[in-house]
Amino acid sequence: MNKYIVSPLSLAQVKAQDVPSLLDEAGIGFESIDNVNWAETFPYKPSVAFRVAYAGDNILLNFQVTEDSVRAVAPSDNGRVWEDSCCEFFVSPVNDGTYYNIECNCAGTLLVGFGSGREGREHLPENALQQVDRWSSLGRLPFDERVGQCQWQMALVIPTSLFMHHPGLQLQDANMRANFYKCGDKTQKPHFLSWNCIALPKPDFHCPAFFGEISFSR
């Protein structure tokens, strides 16, 4: 099981557009998302990495991607963002059998669900999603697939208030189960990459049994 230490930053307020430079200044390096779990069917492996820090009640998440095409068709939040060039953060804040799926395409369009498994997931309401500040180096407007190698970054500032089914959640000293993903179901080269390996016969990210561990240090 992969483990990741999330470092604290002493910042009162953070904007998503500033996250990459702040993490650079703090010397926080990237961790690869490089498990191609279903290589026989989906062998394509873009270059993908993530890094995480936290400031107060906010998780600061930065993805870095190089891939052969980019797609951002989903027109609005809680749409089919997984069909686009999409980075994802699935996390169980506490050990109660539930988890949140936070999925964001390369234009910063977001989907967030909650539940105990793939079926019957609850989409969080729009006012909750609006609390997540987002930045993408490709801008925030939808676009059709652009074929050709592209490098892009995305940053999210995720407040603990997003975890609305776990009020009062504290980040400092917290240990959570999580996995990080990159997918693109309807891109020219469909792919399904994960940070922690998934030992299942076909693509499925809704598998908390294969989550790794993230620990929020002091």
Protein backbone atom coordinates (compact mmCIF):
# COMPACT_ATOMS: atom_id res chain seq x y z
CA MET A 1 0.00 0.00 0.00
CA ASN A 2 1.38 3.38 -1.00
CA LYS A 3 1.70 6.05 1.69
CA TYR A 4 1.93 9.81 1.28
CA ILE A 5 2.77 12.45 3.90
CA VAL A 6 0.81 15.69 3.48
CA SER A 7 2.80 18.67 4.75
CA PRO A 8 1.26 21.78 6.33
CA LEU A 9 1.70 25.29 4.96
CA SER A 10 1.24 28.36 7.17
CA LEU A 11 -1.16 30.30 4.99
CA ALA A 12 -4.37 32.09 5.93
CA GLN A 13 -5.91 32.04 2.45
CA VAL A 14 -4.95 30.25 -0.74
CA LYS A 15 -6.19 30.63 -4.31
CA ALA A 16 -6.03 27.66 -6.64
CA GLN A 17 -4.03 29.58 -9.23
CA ASP A 18 -1.27 30.09 -6.64
CA VAL A 19 -1.05 26.46 -5.50
CA PRO A 20 1.65 25.28 -7.98
CA SER A 21 4.03 28.11 -7.11
CA LEU A 22 3.37 27.77 -3.37
CA LEU A 23 4.15 24.05 -3.48
CA ASP A 24 7.26 24.77 -5.53
CA GLU A 25 8.43 27.26 -2.90
CA ALA A 26 7.74 24.73 -0.14
CA GLY A 27 9.83 22.11 -1.95
CA ILE A 28 6.96 19.64 -2.26
CA GLY A 29 7.74 17.17 -5.03
CA PHE A 30 5.43 15.21 -7.28
CA GLU A 31 4.35 11.60 -6.81
CA SER A 32 3.65 9.53 -9.93
CA ILE A 33 0.29 8.06 -10.91
CA ASP A 34 1.72 5.25 -13.00
CA ASN A 35 -0.11 1.97 -12.41
CA VAL A 36 -1.58 0.74 -15.71
CA ASN A 37 -3.80 -1.88 -14.13
CA TRP A 38 -5.48 -3.14 -17.32
CA ALA A 39 -2.58 -2.94 -19.76
CA GLU A 40 -3.84 -5.63 -22.16
CA THR A 41 -6.99 -3.64 -22.95
CA PHE A 42 -5.88 -0.08 -22.13
CA PRO A 43 -2.09 0.12 -22.53
CA TYR A 44 -1.75 3.88 -23.00
CA LYS A 45 0.24 5.51 -20.22
CA PRO A 46 0.33 9.32 -20.12
CA SER A 47 2.76 10.99 -17.74
CA VAL A 48 0.80 11.97 -14.61
CA ALA A 49 1.83 13.12 -11.15
CA PHE A 50 0.26 14.77 -8.11
CA ARG A 51 1.30 16.53 -4.94
CA VAL A 52 -0.66 17.58 -1.87
CA ALA A 53 -0.28 19.99 1.03
CA TYR A 54 -2.73 21.53 3.46
CA ALA A 55 -3.29 24.97 4.93
CA GLY A 56 -5.69 25.25 7.85
CA ASP A 57 -8.93 23.59 6.75
CA ASN A 58 -7.98 23.38 3.06
CA ILE A 59 -6.40 20.55 1.07
CA LEU A 60 -4.17 21.88 -1.71
CA LEU A 61 -3.99 19.46 -4.64
CA ASN A 62 -1.88 19.87 -7.78
CA PHE A 63 -1.85 17.53 -10.80
CA GLN A 64 0.69 17.63 -13.64
CA VAL A 65 -0.06 15.81 -16.91
CA THR A 66 1.53 15.18 -20.31
CA GLU A 67 -0.71 13.29 -22.74
CA ASP A 68 -1.29 12.80 -26.46
CA SER A 69 -4.63 14.64 -26.54
CA VAL A 70 -6.85 16.64 -24.22
CA ARG A 71 -10.64 16.74 -23.97
CA ALA A 72 -12.99 18.88 -21.85
CA VAL A 73 -16.49 18.38 -23.20
CA ALA A 74 -18.50 18.18 -19.94
CA PRO A 75 -20.42 21.49 -19.86
CA SER A 76 -21.07 21.81 -16.13
CA ASP A 77 -20.35 20.39 -12.70
CA ASN A 78 -21.55 16.88 -11.82
CA GLY A 79 -21.47 15.96 -15.50
CA ARG A 80 -19.58 13.15 -17.24
CA VAL A 81 -16.12 14.54 -16.51
CA TRP A 82 -14.53 11.05 -16.43
CA GLU A 83 -15.02 10.85 -20.21
CA ASP A 84 -12.71 13.87 -20.59
CA SER A 85 -9.04 14.27 -19.67
CA CYS A 86 -9.73 13.80 -15.99
CA CYS A 87 -7.76 13.62 -12.72
CA GLU A 88 -9.41 12.17 -9.66
CA PHE A 89 -9.01 12.03 -5.89
CA PHE A 90 -11.02 9.40 -4.01
CA VAL A 91 -10.78 9.70 -0.24
CA SER A 92 -12.20 8.12 2.92
CA PRO A 93 -11.81 10.84 5.60
CA VAL A 94 -12.66 8.43 8.42
CA ASN A 95 -12.90 4.67 8.74
CA ASP A 96 -16.65 4.34 8.36
CA GLY A 97 -16.93 2.51 5.03
CA THR A 98 -17.72 5.61 2.96
CA TYR A 99 -15.68 7.75 0.60
CA TYR A 100 -15.89 10.83 -1.61
CA ASN A 101 -15.00 10.75 -5.31
CA ILE A 102 -13.61 14.13 -6.41
CA GLU A 103 -13.23 14.13 -10.19
CA CYS A 104 -12.06 17.13 -12.23
CA ASN A 105 -11.48 17.42 -15.95
CA CYS A 106 -8.72 19.51 -17.51
CA ALA A 107 -10.96 22.59 -17.66
CA GLY A 108 -11.71 22.49 -13.94
CA THR A 109 -15.22 21.05 -14.28
CA LEU A 110 -15.95 19.05 -11.15
CA LEU A 111 -17.94 16.03 -10.04
CA VAL A 112 -18.16 15.01 -6.40
CA GLY A 113 -20.02 11.98 -5.11
CA PHE A 114 -20.42 10.26 -1.76
CA GLY A 115 -21.33 6.76 -0.67
CA SER A 116 -20.02 3.34 0.29
CA GLY A 117 -19.59 1.87 -3.19
CA ARG A 118 -20.11 2.37 -6.91
CA GLU A 119 -23.88 1.99 -6.79
CA GLY A 120 -26.25 4.53 -5.26
CA ARG A 121 -23.75 7.36 -4.96
CA GLU A 122 -25.00 10.79 -3.93
CA HIS A 123 -23.86 13.77 -6.00
CA LEU A 124 -23.03 16.64 -3.70
CA PRO A 125 -25.12 19.79 -4.30
CA GLU A 126 -23.93 22.67 -6.46
CA ASN A 127 -23.40 25.00 -3.51
CA ALA A 128 -20.97 22.49 -2.01
CA LEU A 129 -18.99 22.14 -5.25
CA GLN A 130 -18.76 25.91 -5.58
CA GLN A 131 -16.66 25.94 -2.41
CA VAL A 132 -13.82 24.20 -4.30
CA ASP A 133 -11.54 26.75 -5.96
CA ARG A 134 -10.08 25.43 -9.22
CA TRP A 135 -7.41 26.47 -11.67
CA SER A 136 -6.30 24.88 -14.93
CA SER A 137 -3.45 25.93 -17.19
CA LEU A 138 -5.84 25.21 -20.10
CA GLY A 139 -8.49 27.65 -18.88
CA ARG A 140 -11.97 27.00 -17.55
CA LEU A 141 -14.04 26.76 -20.74
CA PRO A 142 -15.20 23.44 -22.26
CA PHE A 143 -13.60 22.33 -25.53
CA ASP A 144 -13.64 19.36 -27.93
CA GLU A 145 -10.71 16.98 -28.07
CA ARG A 146 -7.42 18.49 -29.19
CA VAL A 147 -5.09 15.88 -30.64
CA GLY A 148 -1.36 16.40 -30.15
CA GLN A 149 0.91 16.18 -27.14
CA CYS A 150 -0.12 18.58 -24.42
CA GLN A 151 1.30 19.43 -21.02
CA TRP A 152 -1.10 20.85 -18.48
CA GLN A 153 -1.57 21.40 -14.77
CA MET A 154 -4.59 21.66 -12.54
CA ALA A 155 -4.91 22.81 -8.95
CA LEU A 156 -7.74 22.49 -6.45
CA VAL A 157 -8.29 24.06 -3.05
CA ILE A 158 -10.63 21.65 -1.27
CA PRO A 159 -12.11 22.90 2.04
CA THR A 160 -13.04 20.36 4.69
CA SER A 161 -16.59 21.73 4.43
CA LEU A 162 -16.86 19.80 1.14
CA PHE A 163 -16.91 16.63 3.24
CA MET A 164 -20.41 17.54 4.32
CA HIS A 165 -21.19 14.09 5.74
CA HIS A 166 -18.25 14.46 8.15
CA PRO A 167 -18.76 17.84 9.85
CA GLY A 168 -15.97 19.15 12.03
CA LEU A 169 -13.29 17.18 10.20
CA GLN A 170 -9.76 18.19 11.27
CA LEU A 171 -6.81 17.73 8.92
CA GLN A 172 -3.87 17.99 11.34
CA ASP A 173 -2.76 14.51 12.44
CA ALA A 174 -5.50 12.91 10.33
CA ASN A 175 -4.88 9.58 8.61
CA MET A 176 -7.08 8.92 5.58
CA ARG A 177 -7.38 6.23 2.93
CA ALA A 178 -7.20 7.52 -0.63
CA ASN A 179 -6.29 6.89 -4.23
CA PHE A 180 -5.42 9.21 -7.11
CA TYR A 181 -6.37 8.49 -10.70
CA LYS A 182 -6.05 9.68 -14.29
CA CYS A 183 -8.58 8.62 -16.90
CA GLY A 184 -10.06 9.65 -20.22
CA ASP A 185 -12.83 7.26 -21.19
CA LYS A 186 -13.66 9.01 -24.48
CA THR A 187 -10.28 10.41 -25.42
CA GLN A 188 -8.46 9.19 -28.52
CA LYS A 189 -6.48 6.81 -26.30
CA PRO A 190 -8.69 5.69 -23.38
CA HIS A 191 -6.69 5.09 -20.20
CA PHE A 192 -7.13 4.26 -16.52
CA LEU A 193 -4.12 4.96 -14.30
CA SER A 194 -3.93 4.79 -10.52
CA TRP A 195 -1.49 5.76 -7.76
CA ASN A 196 -2.20 2.64 -5.71
CA CYS A 197 -2.43 -0.59 -7.68
CA ILE A 198 -5.92 -2.06 -8.31
CA ALA A 199 -6.12 -5.86 -8.52
CA LEU A 200 -9.44 -6.21 -10.33
CA PRO A 201 -10.19 -7.78 -13.75
CA LYS A 202 -11.61 -4.63 -15.38
CA PRO A 203 -11.40 -0.85 -14.87
CA ASP A 204 -13.02 0.21 -11.62
CA PHE A 205 -11.88 3.13 -9.46
CA HIS A 206 -14.67 2.64 -6.92
CA CYS A 207 -12.67 0.14 -4.91
CA PRO A 208 -11.68 1.46 -1.46
CA ALA A 209 -10.08 -1.90 -0.64
CA PHE A 210 -7.18 -0.76 -2.85
CA PHE A 211 -6.82 2.77 -1.47
CA GLY A 212 -3.44 3.89 -0.16
CA GLU A 213 -2.84 6.03 2.91
CA ILE A 214 -2.36 9.78 3.28
CA SER A 215 -1.24 11.26 6.58
CA PHE A 216 -1.48 14.94 7.48
CA SER A 217 1.63 15.86 9.47
CA ARG A 218 2.03 18.70 11.94
